[in-house]
Protein backbone atom coordinates (compact mmCIF):
# COMPACT_ATOMS: atom_id res chain seq x y z
CA MET A 1 141.00 189.19 148.50
CA MET A 2 142.39 186.37 150.04
CA ARG A 3 145.95 185.37 148.39
CA THR A 4 146.78 182.20 150.64
CA CYS A 5 146.76 179.14 149.63
CA LEU A 6 144.17 176.87 152.17
CA LEU A 7 144.85 173.48 150.80
CA LEU A 8 145.53 171.73 154.29
CA CYS A 9 142.19 173.28 155.01
CA LEU A 10 140.04 172.08 151.84
CA LEU A 11 141.35 168.16 152.92
CA PHE A 12 138.84 168.28 155.08
CA CYS A 13 135.99 168.96 152.98
CA PHE A 14 134.17 165.67 152.76
CA PRO A 15 132.57 164.51 150.05
CA MET A 16 129.21 163.42 150.67
CA ILE A 17 127.35 160.77 147.71
CA PHE A 18 123.68 159.79 147.76
CA THR A 19 122.71 156.75 145.43
CA ILE A 20 119.04 155.42 144.84
CA GLY A 21 118.32 152.27 145.50
CA ALA A 22 116.76 149.12 142.69
CA ASP A 23 113.07 149.76 141.79
CA ALA A 24 110.77 147.21 144.58
CA GLN A 25 109.07 145.91 141.20
CA GLU A 26 110.25 142.07 140.83
CA ILE A 27 111.72 141.97 137.18
CA PRO A 28 112.15 138.66 135.42
CA ASP A 29 116.33 138.86 134.57
CA ALA A 30 115.60 138.31 130.62
CA GLN A 31 114.12 141.93 130.40
CA LYS A 32 116.68 143.12 132.95
CA LYS A 33 119.56 146.17 132.00
CA PRO A 34 122.80 146.26 133.29
CA ASP A 35 122.35 148.08 136.42
CA ARG A 36 123.34 151.83 135.87
CA GLY A 37 124.70 152.49 138.79
CA LYS A 38 124.43 155.45 141.40
CA ASN A 39 121.79 158.01 140.09
CA PHE A 40 123.01 161.27 142.69
CA ALA A 41 126.71 162.78 143.20
CA PHE A 42 126.91 165.88 145.50
CA ALA A 43 129.94 167.40 147.36
CA PRO A 44 129.83 170.59 150.13
CA ILE A 45 133.34 172.14 148.48
CA VAL A 46 134.91 174.91 150.07
CA ILE A 47 136.61 177.80 147.75
CA SER A 48 140.04 179.98 147.78
CA ASN A 49 140.08 180.73 144.09
CA PRO A 50 142.08 184.00 143.13
CA ASN A 51 139.41 185.84 141.48
CA ILE A 52 136.64 185.53 144.19
CA GLY A 53 137.96 184.87 147.02
CA SER A 54 137.00 182.32 149.91
CA GLY A 55 133.82 180.70 150.95
CA LEU A 56 131.22 177.82 150.98
CA GLY A 57 129.20 176.21 147.95
CA ALA A 58 127.50 173.05 147.42
CA ALA A 59 127.12 171.62 143.26
CA GLY A 60 125.55 168.26 142.50
CA MET A 61 124.44 165.95 139.44
CA TYR A 62 121.69 163.18 138.93
CA PHE A 63 122.26 161.27 136.02
CA PHE A 64 119.34 159.71 134.23
CA ASP A 65 118.98 157.28 130.36
CA ILE A 66 116.24 158.69 128.11
CA GLY A 67 114.86 156.15 126.01
CA ASP A 68 116.36 153.61 125.14
CA TRP A 69 120.16 152.69 126.08
CA ARG A 70 122.43 150.18 126.03
CA ALA A 71 124.90 149.60 128.86
CA GLU A 72 127.97 151.61 126.98
CA ASP A 73 125.85 154.42 126.41
CA PRO A 74 126.75 157.27 128.30
CA ARG A 75 124.62 159.17 130.88
CA SER A 76 122.72 161.93 130.44
CA SER A 77 123.02 164.33 133.65
CA VAL A 78 121.75 167.27 135.59
CA GLN A 79 124.29 169.75 137.15
CA ALA A 80 123.57 172.46 139.86
CA ILE A 81 126.17 174.17 141.66
CA GLY A 82 126.41 177.92 143.69
CA ALA A 83 128.81 179.34 145.62
CA TYR A 84 129.14 182.37 148.18
CA THR A 85 132.87 183.85 149.28
CA ASN A 86 133.97 186.44 151.38
CA THR A 87 134.01 188.84 149.08
CA ASP A 88 130.47 189.48 148.59
CA SER A 89 130.57 187.44 145.39
CA TYR A 90 128.08 184.62 143.92
CA PHE A 91 127.50 182.05 141.88
CA TYR A 92 125.24 179.83 141.29
CA GLY A 93 124.34 177.89 138.03
CA LEU A 94 122.26 174.66 136.62
CA LEU A 95 123.28 172.17 133.46
CA SER A 96 122.36 169.82 131.53
CA SER A 97 124.47 167.58 129.18
CA LEU A 98 122.00 165.02 127.38
CA TYR A 99 123.24 161.89 125.13
CA LEU A 100 120.48 161.04 123.23
CA TYR A 101 119.56 157.30 120.68
CA HIS A 102 122.34 155.69 121.86
CA ASP A 103 124.93 159.06 121.90
CA THR A 104 124.00 160.00 117.90
CA ILE A 105 122.55 162.89 119.68
CA ARG A 106 124.51 165.22 122.36
CA GLY A 107 123.35 168.64 123.88
CA ASN A 108 124.66 170.79 126.77
CA PHE A 109 121.91 173.74 127.77
CA GLY A 110 122.37 176.27 130.90
CA ILE A 111 121.35 179.13 132.55
CA PHE A 112 124.39 180.88 134.78
CA ARG A 113 124.19 183.74 137.50
CA ALA A 114 127.17 185.46 138.94
CA ASN A 115 128.40 188.86 140.78
CA ILE A 116 131.98 188.93 141.01
CA ASN A 117 133.91 191.07 142.83
CA ASN A 118 137.55 191.83 141.13
CA GLU A 119 140.42 193.26 142.25
CA TYR A 120 142.94 193.05 139.60
CA ASP A 121 146.71 194.25 140.09
CA ILE A 122 147.66 196.65 137.69
CA PRO A 123 150.98 196.15 135.71
CA TRP A 124 152.12 199.71 136.60
CA GLY A 125 150.84 199.87 139.90
CA GLY A 126 148.11 199.88 142.42
CA GLU A 127 145.06 197.88 142.12
CA ALA A 128 141.84 197.91 140.09
CA GLU A 129 138.59 197.20 142.13
CA PHE A 130 135.24 196.49 140.15
CA SER A 131 132.37 194.44 140.35
CA THR A 132 131.04 191.91 137.40
CA GLY A 133 127.72 191.12 136.93
CA ALA A 134 126.69 188.35 134.68
CA ILE A 135 123.86 186.42 133.80
CA ALA A 136 124.28 183.94 130.87
CA ALA A 137 122.25 181.62 128.83
CA LEU A 138 123.46 178.53 126.46
CA GLY A 139 122.26 175.72 124.07
CA LEU A 140 124.53 173.09 121.76
CA LEU A 141 123.03 170.06 120.19
CA THR A 142 125.04 167.90 118.06
CA TYR A 143 124.58 165.18 115.86
CA ARG A 144 126.87 161.58 114.83
CA VAL A 145 127.88 162.24 111.01
CA TRP A 146 129.66 159.18 110.93
CA ASP A 147 132.26 156.98 113.33
CA ASN A 148 133.36 159.64 116.13
CA VAL A 149 132.16 163.08 114.50
CA TYR A 150 129.66 165.19 114.54
CA ILE A 151 127.97 168.64 113.63
CA GLY A 152 126.26 171.31 115.30
CA GLY A 153 125.15 174.41 116.36
CA GLN A 154 125.24 177.11 119.15
CA ALA A 155 123.36 179.83 120.41
CA LEU A 156 124.25 181.94 123.74
CA VAL A 157 122.66 185.30 125.17
CA VAL A 158 124.65 186.78 127.85
CA ASP A 159 124.82 190.33 129.51
CA VAL A 160 127.10 192.07 131.38
CA SER A 161 127.60 194.62 133.49
CA TYR A 162 130.85 196.48 135.63
CA ASP A 163 131.04 198.37 138.74
CA PRO A 164 133.73 199.91 139.73
CA ASP A 165 134.68 201.31 143.58
CA THR A 166 136.20 204.61 142.47
CA PRO A 167 136.74 207.09 139.81
CA ALA A 168 140.22 206.07 139.28
CA ASP A 169 138.59 202.40 138.85
CA GLY A 170 136.41 203.94 136.40
CA ASP A 171 139.21 205.19 134.47
CA TYR A 172 140.63 201.49 134.40
CA LEU A 173 137.95 200.01 132.96
CA ASP A 174 137.45 202.39 130.31
CA LEU A 175 141.50 201.75 129.36
CA VAL A 176 140.54 198.38 128.93
CA GLY A 177 137.56 199.24 126.74
CA ALA A 178 135.31 197.30 129.60
CA GLU A 179 130.73 198.39 128.94
CA ASP A 180 128.07 197.34 130.12
CA SER A 181 126.69 195.15 127.04
CA THR A 182 124.17 192.42 126.06
CA THR A 183 125.80 190.17 123.55
CA THR A 184 123.92 187.53 121.59
CA GLY A 185 125.32 185.06 119.00
CA ILE A 186 125.16 181.33 116.94
CA GLY A 187 127.82 179.21 115.63
CA PRO A 188 128.75 176.13 113.81
CA VAL A 189 130.08 173.47 116.19
CA ILE A 190 132.52 170.51 115.03
CA SER A 191 134.10 167.88 117.33
CA TYR A 192 136.14 164.43 117.18
CA ASP A 193 135.44 161.65 120.18
CA THR A 194 137.20 158.83 120.39
CA ARG A 195 137.29 158.66 124.81
CA ASP A 196 136.59 155.80 125.95
CA ASN A 197 135.01 157.40 129.01
CA VAL A 198 133.39 161.01 128.74
CA ASN A 199 133.94 162.02 132.46
CA TYR A 200 136.88 160.52 133.52
CA PRO A 201 139.03 159.31 129.78
CA SER A 202 142.07 157.05 129.89
CA SER A 203 142.65 156.82 126.31
CA GLY A 204 141.55 158.52 123.18
CA THR A 205 141.02 161.74 121.75
CA LEU A 206 138.80 165.05 121.91
CA VAL A 207 138.58 167.54 119.05
CA GLU A 208 136.38 170.81 119.20
CA VAL A 209 136.10 173.43 117.02
CA LYS A 210 133.22 176.11 118.03
CA GLY A 211 132.63 179.37 117.16
CA TYR A 212 129.97 182.52 117.30
CA TYR A 213 128.90 185.79 114.96
CA LYS A 214 127.99 188.16 116.71
CA PRO A 215 125.83 190.70 114.53
CA GLU A 216 124.89 194.40 116.18
CA ALA A 217 121.89 194.02 114.59
CA TRP A 218 121.24 191.30 117.32
CA GLY A 219 121.95 193.84 120.29
CA ASN A 220 125.70 193.41 120.51
CA GLU A 221 128.37 196.66 120.24
CA THR A 222 129.47 195.60 116.64
CA ASP A 223 129.70 192.87 114.28
CA TYR A 224 132.08 190.56 115.12
CA ALA A 225 133.12 186.70 115.67
CA VAL A 226 135.43 184.24 117.76
CA ALA A 227 136.38 181.08 117.70
CA ASP A 228 138.37 178.84 119.42
CA LEU A 229 139.80 175.35 118.52
CA ALA A 230 140.83 172.53 121.35
CA VAL A 231 142.39 169.02 120.98
CA ASN A 232 142.74 166.94 124.22
CA HIS A 233 144.80 163.53 124.39
CA TYR A 234 145.04 160.83 126.79
CA ILE A 235 147.22 158.20 127.65
CA GLY A 236 147.00 155.33 130.09
CA LEU A 237 150.26 154.84 131.21
CA THR A 238 149.21 152.23 133.74
CA GLU A 239 146.05 150.84 135.25
CA THR A 240 146.05 153.61 137.62
CA HIS A 241 148.00 156.89 136.06
CA VAL A 242 146.74 158.82 132.73
CA LEU A 243 148.64 160.98 131.44
CA ALA A 244 146.26 164.06 129.85
CA LEU A 245 147.24 166.10 127.53
CA ARG A 246 145.71 169.79 126.16
CA ALA A 247 146.74 172.50 123.71
CA TYR A 248 143.86 175.64 123.38
CA GLY A 249 143.57 178.44 120.91
CA ARG A 250 141.03 181.21 120.88
CA THR A 251 140.90 183.63 119.00
CA GLY A 252 138.39 187.10 117.47
CA THR A 253 138.15 189.43 114.97
CA GLU A 254 139.44 193.14 115.37
CA ASP A 255 136.12 194.29 116.54
CA THR A 256 135.81 192.05 119.93
CA PRO A 257 134.95 193.86 122.92
CA TYR A 258 136.64 193.63 126.07
CA SER A 259 133.55 191.03 127.34
CA ASP A 260 134.46 188.57 124.80
CA LYS A 261 138.44 189.03 125.14
CA SER A 262 140.06 185.37 125.64
CA ARG A 263 141.71 185.84 129.10
CA LEU A 264 143.85 183.71 131.02
CA GLY A 265 142.32 181.21 134.01
CA GLN A 266 139.38 180.55 132.60
CA GLN A 267 138.17 177.07 131.46
CA SER A 268 141.50 176.09 133.35
CA ASP A 269 143.31 177.53 130.64
CA LEU A 270 145.57 178.22 132.93
CA ARG A 271 145.05 177.36 136.76
CA GLY A 272 146.61 179.69 138.67
CA PHE A 273 145.49 183.27 137.32
CA LYS A 274 142.36 185.51 137.69
CA SER A 275 140.36 185.07 134.81
CA GLY A 276 140.12 188.91 132.80
CA GLU A 277 143.12 190.43 134.72
CA VAL A 278 145.56 188.99 131.99
CA SER A 279 143.36 189.46 128.37
CA GLY A 280 143.87 189.42 124.84
CA ARG A 281 142.12 189.04 121.69
CA THR A 282 144.21 185.97 120.91
CA LEU A 283 145.28 182.89 123.36
CA LEU A 284 147.42 180.20 122.76
CA SER A 285 148.15 177.80 125.79
CA GLY A 286 149.34 174.23 126.17
CA GLN A 287 148.80 171.69 129.36
CA ALA A 288 149.36 168.42 130.35
CA GLU A 289 148.42 166.46 133.73
CA ILE A 290 149.33 163.34 135.77
CA ARG A 291 146.81 161.65 137.23
CA TRP A 292 147.21 158.88 139.27
CA GLN A 293 144.10 156.74 141.00
CA PHE A 294 145.82 156.04 144.26
CA THR A 295 142.92 153.96 145.47
CA GLU A 296 139.55 153.05 144.56
CA LYS A 297 138.03 156.93 146.18
CA ILE A 298 141.38 158.46 146.26
CA GLY A 299 143.57 160.12 143.70
CA PHE A 300 146.13 163.10 143.14
CA VAL A 301 147.15 164.84 140.34
CA ALA A 302 150.09 166.96 139.06
CA PHE A 303 150.03 169.58 136.41
CA GLY A 304 151.62 172.26 134.70
CA GLY A 305 151.38 174.44 131.49
CA LEU A 306 151.83 177.75 129.11
CA ALA A 307 150.44 180.24 127.53
CA LYS A 308 151.28 183.66 125.07
CA LEU A 309 148.92 186.15 124.60
CA TRP A 310 148.47 188.71 121.80
CA ASP A 311 145.99 192.11 121.46
CA ASP A 312 147.26 195.71 120.30
CA GLU A 313 144.82 197.47 122.03
CA LEU A 314 145.51 195.35 125.78
CA GLU A 315 150.12 195.60 125.28
CA GLU A 316 150.28 197.18 128.37
CA LEU A 317 148.51 194.79 130.58
CA ILE A 318 150.30 191.26 129.00
CA THR A 319 153.92 191.60 131.26
CA LYS A 320 155.02 188.77 130.44
CA ASP A 321 155.99 186.85 126.45
CA LEU A 322 155.13 183.83 128.05
CA TYR A 323 152.99 182.66 130.97
CA TYR A 324 153.60 179.51 132.78
CA SER A 325 151.38 178.35 135.73
CA GLY A 326 151.91 174.76 137.38
CA GLY A 327 150.87 172.58 140.84
CA VAL A 328 149.48 170.15 142.40
CA GLY A 329 145.88 168.37 142.87
CA PHE A 330 143.41 166.19 145.34
CA ARG A 331 140.44 163.25 144.09
CA TYR A 332 138.02 161.86 145.49
CA MET A 333 135.51 159.26 143.52
CA LEU A 334 132.01 160.80 144.06
CA ASN A 335 130.44 158.95 141.68
CA SER A 336 132.50 155.38 141.01
CA ASP A 337 130.20 154.43 138.53
CA GLN A 338 129.83 157.05 136.46
CA LYS A 339 133.72 158.15 137.28
CA ILE A 340 133.21 161.56 138.61
CA ASN A 341 135.42 162.72 140.62
CA PHE A 342 135.60 165.84 143.52
CA ARG A 343 138.54 167.63 143.04
CA ILE A 344 140.95 170.94 144.65
CA ASP A 345 143.70 172.17 142.54
CA ALA A 346 146.21 174.09 144.11
CA ALA A 347 148.40 176.62 141.41
CA ILE A 348 151.18 179.09 141.15
CA GLY A 349 151.87 181.27 137.94
CA ASN A 350 154.22 183.40 137.01
CA GLY A 351 153.78 187.21 138.55
CA ASP A 352 153.32 185.96 141.91
CA ASN A 353 149.86 184.54 140.90
CA GLU A 354 148.54 181.58 142.67
CA GLY A 355 144.91 180.06 143.73
CA ILE A 356 143.30 177.03 144.69
CA TYR A 357 140.01 175.50 142.39
CA VAL A 358 137.66 173.69 144.16
CA GLY A 359 134.82 172.07 142.00
CA ILE A 360 133.49 168.78 140.07
CA GLN A 361 134.64 167.09 137.69
CA GLU A 362 138.30 167.13 135.98
CA ALA A 363 139.61 170.29 134.55
CA PHE A 364 139.52 169.25 131.48
């Protein structure tokens, strides 16, 4: 798997923007709503990721409004993304984010398909090579019960399969407890959100508490539960500089299977690590990121983070008391109306870990 950073090459991948013009029908000024701006954002992307290799893909977003709306309401969106890499890995998916009744109801729904050819370093020497196939469908719906507080629920179905390249690789999967599985779960969601913008906040706080209960009767390996807590805080230092802070914790009950363990490199906690190479039942992490909007379209970031994992079953794979990573990133504003950035992040972590991440929207 390619481990060399290709940041300079990635900077030549120029995002493209497509917009929809106004309706040709003349509407009296008194009846016109404020202009919501551009409806599309599209970017071809080059990928160099420590988990899947290097390759090409594309991502696009479509923004729309549902029912009556006000100028300050966030816009609903549909996002499609897909990519293929030199390790014969691929992924594609469709995700929708809905804001209804003046942001009283929020919903997220998605479906994803991926096949990742992994190459993990083994602490006692050598590498484990195997492919991971996954199909996932998810749904989340919350209702604003009072100012800035949302309560609701979520549901998830994930089918995961593992295919080792050699018998020795199969021994590694047996060691960590990786088995083909289909998991189904439901759970609560509670969030507190005072951000001034859901896509690129410059002030405010987002607190999210989520959990899943996954009973054996629904096709899971056993009865177990997982829960996570995320706290993001944003401070506007100047008109062009934002300090973004994130604290994240996740844990599972004793019977949590390998496929549902907490892992470095997942959901940007922490960038620079292969997702799944370092896993544990419990994870605590923290990150800080300085965001600088250099011009109207161009921005830069610098970030760093720390993490700690615990798991008696995987203690041989948790080789560091504390994991850390840091890096820099480039931003290009695809849609200034909705503040949607195309991002490229290059990160380096301890243990010779490194990677480049390309996508749409901020890491957190």
